Protein backbone atom coordinates (compact mmCIF):
# COMPACT_ATOMS: atom_id res chain seq x y z
CA UNK A 1 0.00 0.00 0.00
CA UNK A 2 1.29 3.45 -0.93
CA UNK A 3 1.34 6.20 1.68
CA UNK A 4 -0.36 9.29 0.25
CA UNK A 5 0.79 12.61 1.71
CA UNK A 6 -0.10 16.21 1.01
CA UNK A 7 2.44 18.82 -0.02
CA UNK A 8 2.84 20.19 3.52
CA UNK A 9 3.70 16.75 4.89
CA UNK A 10 6.10 16.15 2.00
CA UNK A 11 7.84 19.45 2.76
CA UNK A 12 8.10 18.52 6.46
CA UNK A 13 9.66 15.18 5.51
CA UNK A 14 12.16 16.85 3.21
CA UNK A 15 13.05 19.36 5.93
CA UNK A 16 13.58 16.53 8.46
CA UNK A 17 15.77 14.73 5.94
CA UNK A 18 17.73 17.92 5.35
CA UNK A 19 18.23 18.45 9.09
CA UNK A 20 19.49 14.87 9.41
CA UNK A 21 21.88 15.31 6.46
CA UNK A 22 23.14 18.58 7.95
CA UNK A 23 23.84 16.88 11.27
CA UNK A 24 25.68 14.02 9.54
CA UNK A 25 27.72 16.47 7.45
CA UNK A 26 28.85 18.28 10.61
CA UNK A 27 29.70 14.99 12.33
CA UNK A 28 31.80 13.75 9.41
CA UNK A 29 33.51 17.14 9.11
CA UNK A 30 34.49 16.98 12.80
CA UNK A 31 35.64 13.38 12.43
CA UNK A 32 37.77 14.26 9.42
CA UNK A 33 39.38 17.15 11.26
CA UNK A 34 40.00 15.02 14.36
CA UNK A 35 41.60 12.19 12.35
CA UNK A 36 43.78 14.42 10.16
CA UNK A 37 46.86 14.43 12.45
CA UNK A 38 46.84 10.72 13.32
CA UNK A 39 45.00 8.85 10.57
CA UNK A 40 45.20 10.53 7.14
CA UNK A 41 43.41 7.65 5.40
CA UNK A 42 40.56 7.76 7.91
CA UNK A 43 40.41 11.53 7.55
CA UNK A 44 40.10 11.20 3.75
CA UNK A 45 37.31 8.64 4.10
CA UNK A 46 35.47 10.92 6.53
CA UNK A 47 35.95 13.83 4.13
CA UNK A 48 34.40 11.81 1.29
CA UNK A 49 31.40 11.00 3.45
CA UNK A 50 31.10 14.69 4.36
CA UNK A 51 31.07 15.58 0.66
CA UNK A 52 28.29 13.05 0.06
CA UNK A 53 26.15 14.69 2.73
CA UNK A 54 26.94 18.12 1.27
CA UNK A 55 25.58 16.87 -2.06
CA UNK A 56 22.41 15.64 -0.37
CA UNK A 57 21.98 19.05 1.28
CA UNK A 58 22.36 20.82 -2.06
CA UNK A 59 19.73 18.59 -3.68
CA UNK A 60 17.25 19.02 -0.84
CA UNK A 61 17.85 22.77 -0.82
CA UNK A 62 17.14 22.88 -4.55
CA UNK A 63 13.83 21.06 -4.00
CA UNK A 64 12.74 23.41 -1.22
CA UNK A 65 14.26 26.64 -2.57
CA UNK A 66 14.95 26.40 -6.33
CA UNK A 67 17.95 28.45 -7.40
CA UNK A 68 19.43 28.73 -3.91
CA UNK A 69 22.73 27.28 -5.10
CA UNK A 70 22.64 28.74 -8.61
CA UNK A 71 25.99 28.56 -10.36
CA UNK A 72 27.71 31.90 -10.75
CA UNK A 73 29.65 32.61 -13.90
C-alpha atoms as a PDB file:
ATOM      1  CA  UNK A   1       0.000   0.000   0.000  1.00  0.00           C
ATOM      2  CA  UNK A   2       1.288   3.451  -0.931  1.00  0.00           C
ATOM      3  CA  UNK A   3       1.337   6.202   1.680  1.00  0.00           C
ATOM      4  CA  UNK A   4      -0.362   9.295   0.249  1.00  0.00           C
ATOM      5  CA  UNK A   5       0.788  12.613   1.706  1.00  0.00           C
ATOM      6  CA  UNK A   6      -0.096  16.214   1.012  1.00  0.00           C
ATOM      7  CA  UNK A   7       2.444  18.824  -0.017  1.00  0.00           C
ATOM      8  CA  UNK A   8       2.837  20.190   3.518  1.00  0.00           C
ATOM      9  CA  UNK A   9       3.705  16.753   4.885  1.00  0.00           C
ATOM     10  CA  UNK A  10       6.095  16.154   1.998  1.00  0.00           C
ATOM     11  CA  UNK A  11       7.836  19.452   2.756  1.00  0.00           C
ATOM     12  CA  UNK A  12       8.098  18.519   6.455  1.00  0.00           C
ATOM     13  CA  UNK A  13       9.655  15.185   5.513  1.00  0.00           C
ATOM     14  CA  UNK A  14      12.158  16.853   3.206  1.00  0.00           C
ATOM     15  CA  UNK A  15      13.047  19.357   5.931  1.00  0.00           C
ATOM     16  CA  UNK A  16      13.578  16.529   8.464  1.00  0.00           C
ATOM     17  CA  UNK A  17      15.766  14.729   5.938  1.00  0.00           C
ATOM     18  CA  UNK A  18      17.726  17.922   5.352  1.00  0.00           C
ATOM     19  CA  UNK A  19      18.229  18.450   9.092  1.00  0.00           C
ATOM     20  CA  UNK A  20      19.489  14.867   9.407  1.00  0.00           C
ATOM     21  CA  UNK A  21      21.879  15.312   6.461  1.00  0.00           C
ATOM     22  CA  UNK A  22      23.143  18.579   7.947  1.00  0.00           C
ATOM     23  CA  UNK A  23      23.836  16.876  11.273  1.00  0.00           C
ATOM     24  CA  UNK A  24      25.676  14.024   9.539  1.00  0.00           C
ATOM     25  CA  UNK A  25      27.719  16.471   7.446  1.00  0.00           C
ATOM     26  CA  UNK A  26      28.851  18.282  10.606  1.00  0.00           C
ATOM     27  CA  UNK A  27      29.702  14.993  12.334  1.00  0.00           C
ATOM     28  CA  UNK A  28      31.798  13.746   9.405  1.00  0.00           C
ATOM     29  CA  UNK A  29      33.513  17.138   9.113  1.00  0.00           C
ATOM     30  CA  UNK A  30      34.488  16.978  12.798  1.00  0.00           C
ATOM     31  CA  UNK A  31      35.644  13.377  12.429  1.00  0.00           C
ATOM     32  CA  UNK A  32      37.766  14.257   9.415  1.00  0.00           C
ATOM     33  CA  UNK A  33      39.382  17.148  11.263  1.00  0.00           C
ATOM     34  CA  UNK A  34      40.001  15.021  14.356  1.00  0.00           C
ATOM     35  CA  UNK A  35      41.595  12.191  12.354  1.00  0.00           C
ATOM     36  CA  UNK A  36      43.777  14.421  10.165  1.00  0.00           C
ATOM     37  CA  UNK A  37      46.862  14.425  12.446  1.00  0.00           C
ATOM     38  CA  UNK A  38      46.839  10.725  13.323  1.00  0.00           C
ATOM     39  CA  UNK A  39      44.999   8.854  10.565  1.00  0.00           C
ATOM     40  CA  UNK A  40      45.201  10.532   7.140  1.00  0.00           C
ATOM     41  CA  UNK A  41      43.408   7.648   5.399  1.00  0.00           C
ATOM     42  CA  UNK A  42      40.565   7.756   7.915  1.00  0.00           C
ATOM     43  CA  UNK A  43      40.410  11.532   7.554  1.00  0.00           C
ATOM     44  CA  UNK A  44      40.105  11.201   3.752  1.00  0.00           C
ATOM     45  CA  UNK A  45      37.310   8.636   4.100  1.00  0.00           C
ATOM     46  CA  UNK A  46      35.471  10.920   6.526  1.00  0.00           C
ATOM     47  CA  UNK A  47      35.948  13.834   4.128  1.00  0.00           C
ATOM     48  CA  UNK A  48      34.396  11.812   1.286  1.00  0.00           C
ATOM     49  CA  UNK A  49      31.397  11.000   3.452  1.00  0.00           C
ATOM     50  CA  UNK A  50      31.100  14.686   4.365  1.00  0.00           C
ATOM     51  CA  UNK A  51      31.070  15.579   0.661  1.00  0.00           C
ATOM     52  CA  UNK A  52      28.295  13.047   0.063  1.00  0.00           C
ATOM     53  CA  UNK A  53      26.147  14.686   2.727  1.00  0.00           C
ATOM     54  CA  UNK A  54      26.940  18.124   1.273  1.00  0.00           C
ATOM     55  CA  UNK A  55      25.582  16.874  -2.060  1.00  0.00           C
ATOM     56  CA  UNK A  56      22.410  15.643  -0.373  1.00  0.00           C
ATOM     57  CA  UNK A  57      21.984  19.047   1.283  1.00  0.00           C
ATOM     58  CA  UNK A  58      22.356  20.821  -2.058  1.00  0.00           C
ATOM     59  CA  UNK A  59      19.732  18.593  -3.684  1.00  0.00           C
ATOM     60  CA  UNK A  60      17.249  19.016  -0.837  1.00  0.00           C
ATOM     61  CA  UNK A  61      17.854  22.772  -0.819  1.00  0.00           C
ATOM     62  CA  UNK A  62      17.139  22.881  -4.550  1.00  0.00           C
ATOM     63  CA  UNK A  63      13.835  21.063  -3.997  1.00  0.00           C
ATOM     64  CA  UNK A  64      12.742  23.409  -1.218  1.00  0.00           C
ATOM     65  CA  UNK A  65      14.261  26.639  -2.571  1.00  0.00           C
ATOM     66  CA  UNK A  66      14.953  26.399  -6.328  1.00  0.00           C
ATOM     67  CA  UNK A  67      17.949  28.452  -7.401  1.00  0.00           C
ATOM     68  CA  UNK A  68      19.428  28.735  -3.908  1.00  0.00           C
ATOM     69  CA  UNK A  69      22.728  27.284  -5.103  1.00  0.00           C
ATOM     70  CA  UNK A  70      22.639  28.738  -8.606  1.00  0.00           C
ATOM     71  CA  UNK A  71      25.987  28.564 -10.361  1.00  0.00           C
ATOM     72  CA  UNK A  72      27.708  31.899 -10.749  1.00  0.00           C
ATOM     73  CA  UNK A  73      29.653  32.605 -13.898  1.00  0.00           C
END
